[in-house]
C-alpha atoms as a PDB file:
ATOM      1  CA  UNK A   1      -6.867  24.982  -9.837  1.00  0.00           C
ATOM      2  CA  UNK A   2      -8.752  26.944 -12.513  1.00  0.00           C
ATOM      3  CA  UNK A   3      -6.492  29.273 -14.466  1.00  0.00           C
ATOM      4  CA  UNK A   4      -9.148  31.982 -14.507  1.00  0.00           C
ATOM      5  CA  UNK A   5      -8.711  32.359 -10.724  1.00  0.00           C
ATOM      6  CA  UNK A   6      -5.267  33.869 -11.390  1.00  0.00           C
ATOM      7  CA  UNK A   7      -4.446  37.453 -12.419  1.00  0.00           C
ATOM      8  CA  UNK A   8      -8.096  38.383 -11.938  1.00  0.00           C
ATOM      9  CA  UNK A   9      -7.468  42.135 -12.306  1.00  0.00           C
ATOM     10  CA  UNK A  10      -5.665  41.802 -15.652  1.00  0.00           C
ATOM     11  CA  UNK A  11      -7.219  42.225 -19.098  1.00  0.00           C
ATOM     12  CA  UNK A  12      -7.358  39.013 -21.173  1.00  0.00           C
ATOM     13  CA  UNK A  13      -5.266  40.545 -23.959  1.00  0.00           C
ATOM     14  CA  UNK A  14      -2.451  41.110 -21.468  1.00  0.00           C
ATOM     15  CA  UNK A  15      -2.876  37.937 -19.453  1.00  0.00           C
ATOM     16  CA  UNK A  16      -3.135  35.377 -22.253  1.00  0.00           C
ATOM     17  CA  UNK A  17       0.235  36.016 -23.928  1.00  0.00           C
ATOM     18  CA  UNK A  18       1.977  36.038 -20.554  1.00  0.00           C
ATOM     19  CA  UNK A  19       0.369  32.747 -19.517  1.00  0.00           C
ATOM     20  CA  UNK A  20       1.126  31.199 -22.909  1.00  0.00           C
ATOM     21  CA  UNK A  21       4.785  32.233 -22.658  1.00  0.00           C
ATOM     22  CA  UNK A  22       5.059  30.638 -19.201  1.00  0.00           C
ATOM     23  CA  UNK A  23       3.249  27.398 -20.103  1.00  0.00           C
ATOM     24  CA  UNK A  24       0.312  28.149 -17.814  1.00  0.00           C
ATOM     25  CA  UNK A  25      -2.542  26.141 -19.325  1.00  0.00           C
ATOM     26  CA  UNK A  26      -5.691  28.034 -20.345  1.00  0.00           C
ATOM     27  CA  UNK A  27      -8.117  25.957 -18.256  1.00  0.00           C
ATOM     28  CA  UNK A  28      -6.393  24.369 -15.257  1.00  0.00           C
ATOM     29  CA  UNK A  29      -2.948  24.691 -13.684  1.00  0.00           C
ATOM     30  CA  UNK A  30      -1.259  22.150 -11.432  1.00  0.00           C
ATOM     31  CA  UNK A  31      -0.691  23.179  -7.830  1.00  0.00           C
ATOM     32  CA  UNK A  32       2.051  21.661  -5.699  1.00  0.00           C
ATOM     33  CA  UNK A  33       2.071  21.730  -1.908  1.00  0.00           C
ATOM     34  CA  UNK A  34       5.243  21.250   0.143  1.00  0.00           C
ATOM     35  CA  UNK A  35       4.999  21.263   3.943  1.00  0.00           C
ATOM     36  CA  UNK A  36       8.381  21.982   5.504  1.00  0.00           C
ATOM     37  CA  UNK A  37       9.984  20.444   8.584  1.00  0.00           C
ATOM     38  CA  UNK A  38      12.391  22.388  10.789  1.00  0.00           C
ATOM     39  CA  UNK A  39      14.664  20.316  13.028  1.00  0.00           C
ATOM     40  CA  UNK A  40      16.306  22.554  15.636  1.00  0.00           C
ATOM     41  CA  UNK A  41      18.174  19.709  17.278  1.00  0.00           C
ATOM     42  CA  UNK A  42      15.817  19.918  20.246  1.00  0.00           C
ATOM     43  CA  UNK A  43      12.465  20.188  18.484  1.00  0.00           C
ATOM     44  CA  UNK A  44      10.848  19.179  15.223  1.00  0.00           C
ATOM     45  CA  UNK A  45       8.508  21.848  13.887  1.00  0.00           C
ATOM     46  CA  UNK A  46       6.215  21.136  10.940  1.00  0.00           C
ATOM     47  CA  UNK A  47       5.086  24.143   8.907  1.00  0.00           C
ATOM     48  CA  UNK A  48       1.668  23.441   7.336  1.00  0.00           C
ATOM     49  CA  UNK A  49       0.227  19.984   6.790  1.00  0.00           C
ATOM     50  CA  UNK A  50      -0.919  19.696   3.187  1.00  0.00           C
ATOM     51  CA  UNK A  51      -4.339  18.479   2.140  1.00  0.00           C
ATOM     52  CA  UNK A  52      -6.219  15.431   3.284  1.00  0.00           C
ATOM     53  CA  UNK A  53      -6.616  12.544   0.842  1.00  0.00           C
ATOM     54  CA  UNK A  54      -9.821  11.804  -0.979  1.00  0.00           C
ATOM     55  CA  UNK A  55     -10.423  15.377  -2.138  1.00  0.00           C
ATOM     56  CA  UNK A  56     -11.946  15.501  -5.606  1.00  0.00           C
ATOM     57  CA  UNK A  57      -9.789  18.420  -6.765  1.00  0.00           C
ATOM     58  CA  UNK A  58      -6.573  16.975  -5.311  1.00  0.00           C
ATOM     59  CA  UNK A  59      -6.502  13.280  -6.077  1.00  0.00           C
ATOM     60  CA  UNK A  60      -2.811  12.902  -5.256  1.00  0.00           C
ATOM     61  CA  UNK A  61      -2.918  14.675  -1.899  1.00  0.00           C
ATOM     62  CA  UNK A  62      -2.674  13.139   1.555  1.00  0.00           C
ATOM     63  CA  UNK A  63       0.897  11.800   1.392  1.00  0.00           C
ATOM     64  CA  UNK A  64       2.351  13.667   4.380  1.00  0.00           C
ATOM     65  CA  UNK A  65       2.521  10.648   6.696  1.00  0.00           C
ATOM     66  CA  UNK A  66       4.164   8.505   4.026  1.00  0.00           C
ATOM     67  CA  UNK A  67       6.786  11.096   3.159  1.00  0.00           C
ATOM     68  CA  UNK A  68       7.589  11.746   6.820  1.00  0.00           C
ATOM     69  CA  UNK A  69       7.983   8.008   7.396  1.00  0.00           C
ATOM     70  CA  UNK A  70      10.197   7.706   4.306  1.00  0.00           C
ATOM     71  CA  UNK A  71      12.422  10.398   5.813  1.00  0.00           C
ATOM     72  CA  UNK A  72      12.629   8.454   9.083  1.00  0.00           C
ATOM     73  CA  UNK A  73      10.468  10.926  10.974  1.00  0.00           C
ATOM     74  CA  UNK A  74       7.834   9.535  13.324  1.00  0.00           C
ATOM     75  CA  UNK A  75       4.655  11.574  13.716  1.00  0.00           C
ATOM     76  CA  UNK A  76       4.999  11.475  17.496  1.00  0.00           C
ATOM     77  CA  UNK A  77       8.458  13.084  17.283  1.00  0.00           C
ATOM     78  CA  UNK A  78       6.976  16.351  15.993  1.00  0.00           C
ATOM     79  CA  UNK A  79       6.582  18.810  18.850  1.00  0.00           C
ATOM     80  CA  UNK A  80       4.924  21.698  17.045  1.00  0.00           C
ATOM     81  CA  UNK A  81       2.808  22.324  13.970  1.00  0.00           C
ATOM     82  CA  UNK A  82       2.774  25.910  12.706  1.00  0.00           C
ATOM     83  CA  UNK A  83       0.028  26.980  10.320  1.00  0.00           C
ATOM     84  CA  UNK A  84       0.700  29.909   8.024  1.00  0.00           C
ATOM     85  CA  UNK A  85      -3.092  30.041   7.631  1.00  0.00           C
ATOM     86  CA  UNK A  86      -6.125  27.785   7.655  1.00  0.00           C
ATOM     87  CA  UNK A  87      -6.975  27.151   4.013  1.00  0.00           C
ATOM     88  CA  UNK A  88      -7.699  23.443   3.445  1.00  0.00           C
ATOM     89  CA  UNK A  89      -4.432  22.785   1.597  1.00  0.00           C
ATOM     90  CA  UNK A  90      -2.508  23.916   4.692  1.00  0.00           C
ATOM     91  CA  UNK A  91      -4.559  22.587   7.611  1.00  0.00           C
ATOM     92  CA  UNK A  92      -5.990  19.597   5.735  1.00  0.00           C
ATOM     93  CA  UNK A  93      -3.435  17.105   7.029  1.00  0.00           C
ATOM     94  CA  UNK A  94      -4.900  17.579  10.519  1.00  0.00           C
ATOM     95  CA  UNK A  95      -8.545  17.179   9.628  1.00  0.00           C
ATOM     96  CA  UNK A  96      -8.958  13.384   9.653  1.00  0.00           C
ATOM     97  CA  UNK A  97      -7.898  12.804  13.278  1.00  0.00           C
ATOM     98  CA  UNK A  98      -6.386  15.997  14.715  1.00  0.00           C
ATOM     99  CA  UNK A  99      -5.778  14.759  18.262  1.00  0.00           C
ATOM    100  CA  UNK A 100      -3.856  11.673  17.110  1.00  0.00           C
ATOM    101  CA  UNK A 101      -2.195  12.830  13.893  1.00  0.00           C
ATOM    102  CA  UNK A 102       0.728  14.452  15.741  1.00  0.00           C
ATOM    103  CA  UNK A 103      -0.015  13.373  19.317  1.00  0.00           C
ATOM    104  CA  UNK A 104       2.805  15.330  20.978  1.00  0.00           C
ATOM    105  CA  UNK A 105       2.542  18.520  18.950  1.00  0.00           C
ATOM    106  CA  UNK A 106       1.152  21.904  19.896  1.00  0.00           C
ATOM    107  CA  UNK A 107      -0.597  23.880  17.160  1.00  0.00           C
ATOM    108  CA  UNK A 108       0.612  27.445  16.592  1.00  0.00           C
ATOM    109  CA  UNK A 109      -1.037  30.062  14.380  1.00  0.00           C
ATOM    110  CA  UNK A 110      -1.732  33.767  14.514  1.00  0.00           C
ATOM    111  CA  UNK A 111      -4.416  34.883  16.942  1.00  0.00           C
ATOM    112  CA  UNK A 112      -6.112  36.789  14.123  1.00  0.00           C
ATOM    113  CA  UNK A 113      -6.327  33.610  12.048  1.00  0.00           C
ATOM    114  CA  UNK A 114      -7.684  31.594  14.970  1.00  0.00           C
ATOM    115  CA  UNK A 115     -10.322  34.217  15.752  1.00  0.00           C
ATOM    116  CA  UNK A 116     -11.309  34.429  12.088  1.00  0.00           C
ATOM    117  CA  UNK A 117     -11.944  30.732  11.525  1.00  0.00           C
ATOM    118  CA  UNK A 118     -13.170  29.885  15.030  1.00  0.00           C
ATOM    119  CA  UNK A 119     -15.751  32.657  15.159  1.00  0.00           C
ATOM    120  CA  UNK A 120     -19.409  31.590  15.431  1.00  0.00           C
ATOM    121  CA  UNK A 121     -20.065  33.783  12.373  1.00  0.00           C
ATOM    122  CA  UNK A 122     -16.953  32.724  10.460  1.00  0.00           C
ATOM    123  CA  UNK A 123     -18.998  32.161   7.312  1.00  0.00           C
ATOM    124  CA  UNK A 124     -19.835  35.866   7.129  1.00  0.00           C
ATOM    125  CA  UNK A 125     -16.164  36.866   7.470  1.00  0.00           C
ATOM    126  CA  UNK A 126     -14.779  34.494   4.853  1.00  0.00           C
ATOM    127  CA  UNK A 127     -15.101  34.316   1.066  1.00  0.00           C
ATOM    128  CA  UNK A 128     -17.832  31.872   0.095  1.00  0.00           C
ATOM    129  CA  UNK A 129     -15.375  29.263  -1.221  1.00  0.00           C
ATOM    130  CA  UNK A 130     -13.396  29.383   2.056  1.00  0.00           C
ATOM    131  CA  UNK A 131     -16.419  29.394   4.348  1.00  0.00           C
ATOM    132  CA  UNK A 132     -17.271  25.869   3.211  1.00  0.00           C
ATOM    133  CA  UNK A 133     -14.238  24.513   5.102  1.00  0.00           C
ATOM    134  CA  UNK A 134     -14.812  26.503   8.315  1.00  0.00           C
ATOM    135  CA  UNK A 135     -16.702  23.673  10.132  1.00  0.00           C
ATOM    136  CA  UNK A 136     -13.814  21.241   9.526  1.00  0.00           C
ATOM    137  CA  UNK A 137     -11.282  23.827  10.719  1.00  0.00           C
ATOM    138  CA  UNK A 138     -13.305  24.460  13.874  1.00  0.00           C
ATOM    139  CA  UNK A 139     -13.372  20.720  14.600  1.00  0.00           C
ATOM    140  CA  UNK A 140      -9.549  20.696  14.500  1.00  0.00           C
ATOM    141  CA  UNK A 141      -9.366  23.487  17.081  1.00  0.00           C
ATOM    142  CA  UNK A 142     -11.972  21.815  19.290  1.00  0.00           C
ATOM    143  CA  UNK A 143     -10.196  18.452  19.169  1.00  0.00           C
ATOM    144  CA  UNK A 144      -6.802  19.961  20.072  1.00  0.00           C
ATOM    145  CA  UNK A 145      -8.168  22.161  22.854  1.00  0.00           C
ATOM    146  CA  UNK A 146      -5.403  23.602  25.019  1.00  0.00           C
ATOM    147  CA  UNK A 147      -2.781  22.412  22.541  1.00  0.00           C
ATOM    148  CA  UNK A 148      -3.752  25.382  20.337  1.00  0.00           C
ATOM    149  CA  UNK A 149      -1.468  28.379  20.936  1.00  0.00           C
ATOM    150  CA  UNK A 150      -2.309  31.643  19.134  1.00  0.00           C
ATOM    151  CA  UNK A 151       0.477  34.205  18.733  1.00  0.00           C
ATOM    152  CA  UNK A 152       0.734  37.766  17.495  1.00  0.00           C
ATOM    153  CA  UNK A 153       2.365  38.579  14.173  1.00  0.00           C
ATOM    154  CA  UNK A 154       5.966  39.532  14.897  1.00  0.00           C
ATOM    155  CA  UNK A 155       6.228  37.188  17.868  1.00  0.00           C
ATOM    156  CA  UNK A 156       8.754  34.369  18.155  1.00  0.00           C
ATOM    157  CA  UNK A 157       7.363  30.933  17.415  1.00  0.00           C
ATOM    158  CA  UNK A 158      10.516  29.433  18.897  1.00  0.00           C
ATOM    159  CA  UNK A 159      14.034  30.715  19.478  1.00  0.00           C
ATOM    160  CA  UNK A 160      15.333  31.661  16.035  1.00  0.00           C
ATOM    161  CA  UNK A 161      11.914  31.440  14.350  1.00  0.00           C
ATOM    162  CA  UNK A 162       9.902  34.648  14.046  1.00  0.00           C
ATOM    163  CA  UNK A 163       6.347  34.990  12.752  1.00  0.00           C
ATOM    164  CA  UNK A 164       5.875  37.797  10.221  1.00  0.00           C
ATOM    165  CA  UNK A 165       2.496  39.439   9.746  1.00  0.00           C
ATOM    166  CA  UNK A 166       1.812  38.891   6.034  1.00  0.00           C
ATOM    167  CA  UNK A 167      -1.952  39.408   5.962  1.00  0.00           C
ATOM    168  CA  UNK A 168      -3.818  39.648   2.702  1.00  0.00           C
ATOM    169  CA  UNK A 169      -4.064  36.069   1.543  1.00  0.00           C
ATOM    170  CA  UNK A 170      -6.042  35.656   4.756  1.00  0.00           C
ATOM    171  CA  UNK A 171      -6.614  38.193   7.517  1.00  0.00           C
ATOM    172  CA  UNK A 172      -4.203  36.392   9.843  1.00  0.00           C
ATOM    173  CA  UNK A 173      -1.671  34.892   7.419  1.00  0.00           C
ATOM    174  CA  UNK A 174       1.886  34.629   8.750  1.00  0.00           C
ATOM    175  CA  UNK A 175       5.205  33.869   7.111  1.00  0.00           C
ATOM    176  CA  UNK A 176       8.230  32.658   9.068  1.00  0.00           C
ATOM    177  CA  UNK A 177      11.791  33.934   9.267  1.00  0.00           C
ATOM    178  CA  UNK A 178      14.166  31.222  10.436  1.00  0.00           C
ATOM    179  CA  UNK A 179      17.697  32.047  11.571  1.00  0.00           C
ATOM    180  CA  UNK A 180      20.699  29.741  11.866  1.00  0.00           C
ATOM    181  CA  UNK A 181      23.991  31.454  12.506  1.00  0.00           C
ATOM    182  CA  UNK A 182      24.402  34.131   9.857  1.00  0.00           C
ATOM    183  CA  UNK A 183      21.882  32.525   7.493  1.00  0.00           C
ATOM    184  CA  UNK A 184      18.173  33.250   7.258  1.00  0.00           C
ATOM    185  CA  UNK A 185      15.342  31.364   5.573  1.00  0.00           C
ATOM    186  CA  UNK A 186      12.039  33.031   4.695  1.00  0.00           C
ATOM    187  CA  UNK A 187       9.058  30.669   4.560  1.00  0.00           C
ATOM    188  CA  UNK A 188       6.452  32.577   2.577  1.00  0.00           C
ATOM    189  CA  UNK A 189       3.402  30.361   2.966  1.00  0.00           C
ATOM    190  CA  UNK A 190       0.843  31.693   0.479  1.00  0.00           C
ATOM    191  CA  UNK A 191       1.909  35.329   0.614  1.00  0.00           C
ATOM    192  CA  UNK A 192       3.713  34.618  -2.679  1.00  0.00           C
ATOM    193  CA  UNK A 193       1.945  31.728  -4.334  1.00  0.00           C
ATOM    194  CA  UNK A 194       3.806  31.022  -7.586  1.00  0.00           C
ATOM    195  CA  UNK A 195       7.146  31.556  -9.318  1.00  0.00           C
ATOM    196  CA  UNK A 196       5.762  33.297 -12.402  1.00  0.00           C
ATOM    197  CA  UNK A 197       3.451  36.308 -12.311  1.00  0.00           C
ATOM    198  CA  UNK A 198       3.667  36.712  -8.526  1.00  0.00           C
ATOM    199  CA  UNK A 199       7.312  37.654  -9.126  1.00  0.00           C
ATOM    200  CA  UNK A 200       7.051  39.404 -12.493  1.00  0.00           C
ATOM    201  CA  UNK A 201       3.839  41.248 -11.618  1.00  0.00           C
ATOM    202  CA  UNK A 202       3.221  41.246  -7.846  1.00  0.00           C
ATOM    203  CA  UNK A 203       0.245  43.557  -8.417  1.00  0.00           C
ATOM    204  CA  UNK A 204      -1.621  40.849 -10.381  1.00  0.00           C
ATOM    205  CA  UNK A 205      -4.276  39.502  -8.038  1.00  0.00           C
ATOM    206  CA  UNK A 206      -5.628  36.021  -7.369  1.00  0.00           C
ATOM    207  CA  UNK A 207      -9.113  34.945  -6.392  1.00  0.00           C
ATOM    208  CA  UNK A 208      -7.755  33.052  -3.394  1.00  0.00           C
ATOM    209  CA  UNK A 209      -6.582  36.177  -1.531  1.00  0.00           C
ATOM    210  CA  UNK A 210      -9.255  37.255   0.956  1.00  0.00           C
ATOM    211  CA  UNK A 211      -8.119  40.858   0.445  1.00  0.00           C
ATOM    212  CA  UNK A 212      -6.606  41.034  -3.057  1.00  0.00           C
ATOM    213  CA  UNK A 213      -5.378  44.626  -2.725  1.00  0.00           C
ATOM    214  CA  UNK A 214      -3.631  43.942   0.577  1.00  0.00           C
ATOM    215  CA  UNK A 215      -2.346  40.631  -0.741  1.00  0.00           C
ATOM    216  CA  UNK A 216      -0.624  42.441  -3.624  1.00  0.00           C
ATOM    217  CA  UNK A 217       0.983  45.000  -1.297  1.00  0.00           C
ATOM    218  CA  UNK A 218       2.162  42.279   1.081  1.00  0.00           C
ATOM    219  CA  UNK A 219       3.558  40.253  -1.817  1.00  0.00           C
ATOM    220  CA  UNK A 220       5.669  43.118  -3.153  1.00  0.00           C
ATOM    221  CA  UNK A 221       6.935  44.046   0.323  1.00  0.00           C
ATOM    222  CA  UNK A 222       7.926  40.451   1.088  1.00  0.00           C
ATOM    223  CA  UNK A 223       9.706  39.965  -2.231  1.00  0.00           C
ATOM    224  CA  UNK A 224      11.485  43.284  -1.784  1.00  0.00           C
ATOM    225  CA  UNK A 225      12.712  42.183   1.640  1.00  0.00           C
ATOM    226  CA  UNK A 226      13.850  38.807   0.335  1.00  0.00           C
ATOM    227  CA  UNK A 227      15.830  40.440  -2.479  1.00  0.00           C
ATOM    228  CA  UNK A 228      17.341  43.250  -0.391  1.00  0.00           C
ATOM    229  CA  UNK A 229      18.338  40.964   2.492  1.00  0.00           C
ATOM    230  CA  UNK A 230      19.491  38.134   0.173  1.00  0.00           C
ATOM    231  CA  UNK A 231      17.338  35.641   2.028  1.00  0.00           C
ATOM    232  CA  UNK A 232      17.006  31.987   1.221  1.00  0.00           C
ATOM    233  CA  UNK A 233      13.311  31.479   0.454  1.00  0.00           C
ATOM    234  CA  UNK A 234      11.009  28.463   0.672  1.00  0.00           C
ATOM    235  CA  UNK A 235       7.705  28.683  -1.203  1.00  0.00           C
ATOM    236  CA  UNK A 236       4.848  26.334  -0.384  1.00  0.00           C
ATOM    237  CA  UNK A 237       3.418  26.131  -3.904  1.00  0.00           C
ATOM    238  CA  UNK A 238       6.657  26.391  -5.876  1.00  0.00           C
ATOM    239  CA  UNK A 239       8.012  23.464  -7.926  1.00  0.00           C
ATOM    240  CA  UNK A 240       9.584  20.998  -5.485  1.00  0.00           C
ATOM    241  CA  UNK A 241      11.677  21.515  -3.416  1.00  0.00           C
ATOM    242  CA  UNK A 242      10.692  25.173  -3.723  1.00  0.00           C
ATOM    243  CA  UNK A 243      13.877  26.647  -2.261  1.00  0.00           C
ATOM    244  CA  UNK A 244      15.800  29.513  -3.830  1.00  0.00           C
ATOM    245  CA  UNK A 245      16.453  33.239  -3.911  1.00  0.00           C
ATOM    246  CA  UNK A 246      14.695  36.381  -5.103  1.00  0.00           C
ATOM    247  CA  UNK A 247      16.367  39.013  -7.279  1.00  0.00           C
ATOM    248  CA  UNK A 248      14.973  42.296  -8.557  1.00  0.00           C
ATOM    249  CA  UNK A 249      14.356  42.508 -12.277  1.00  0.00           C
ATOM    250  CA  UNK A 250      12.752  45.511 -13.975  1.00  0.00           C
ATOM    251  CA  UNK A 251       9.620  46.551 -12.088  1.00  0.00           C
ATOM    252  CA  UNK A 252       9.306  43.096 -10.585  1.00  0.00           C
ATOM    253  CA  UNK A 253      11.389  40.176  -9.369  1.00  0.00           C
ATOM    254  CA  UNK A 254      12.771  36.852 -10.560  1.00  0.00           C
ATOM    255  CA  UNK A 255      12.921  33.451  -8.865  1.00  0.00           C
ATOM    256  CA  UNK A 256      16.292  31.670  -8.744  1.00  0.00           C
ATOM    257  CA  UNK A 257      15.866  28.047  -7.622  1.00  0.00           C
ATOM    258  CA  UNK A 258      18.776  26.483  -5.791  1.00  0.00           C
ATOM    259  CA  UNK A 259      19.848  22.999  -4.752  1.00  0.00           C
ATOM    260  CA  UNK A 260      21.792  24.485  -1.856  1.00  0.00           C
ATOM    261  CA  UNK A 261      21.401  22.446   1.342  1.00  0.00           C
ATOM    262  CA  UNK A 262      21.328  24.120   4.747  1.00  0.00           C
ATOM    263  CA  UNK A 263      23.212  21.799   7.073  1.00  0.00           C
ATOM    264  CA  UNK A 264      24.605  23.780   9.994  1.00  0.00           C
END
């Protein structure tokens, strides 16, 4: 993605030295995408689906089926797909053939997000760059029909998995809080999109937030919760595998990656 889409409310003389110090290239930065699979023992729940292959700005995308197969997971064994939101790098894995991609899976997302993208005048409610993908998103909903299940922010997706209202990146963005025994995992989606300035300077805005001001407030609140509650955190766009912890540092936060494996 273009580097100039990041920290859009920051003066160049402040942004450039920070980006240089963190090896963020001046023109383009590499974006990783890591869908996450939750296996409850009774159900397999996929959180986000990556981006479809053949996209000019993501030549290496579209590997979800191959990586699931490599992990011994059949597509028809997935019983639910949860979307944090409907940007193309999160819903894109459903676009090619939504009814057959995960044939036994229901699709869960926030009702606000569904209403936003499925509206007849969606283009007027979305940023111009996002509106371009609205027709493809609407085709996914139409193809899945009654398999689409909208929920309210704060509702349970499944026993032990709660949806958190983390609007800002999109109007209906949700994050997930997953509980297992005494442990909790926070799946941030795109509420916190990178491990650098989003932590150090949560108030720095990105072009990709539909509401940049709200996105910044949501980001700080979510990081504060993760640090205070000592949550394990999974970030969609963090360097793989994108799992770690958040600690407070100065006026911001710091990312602590971990190789800890949750196996309970």
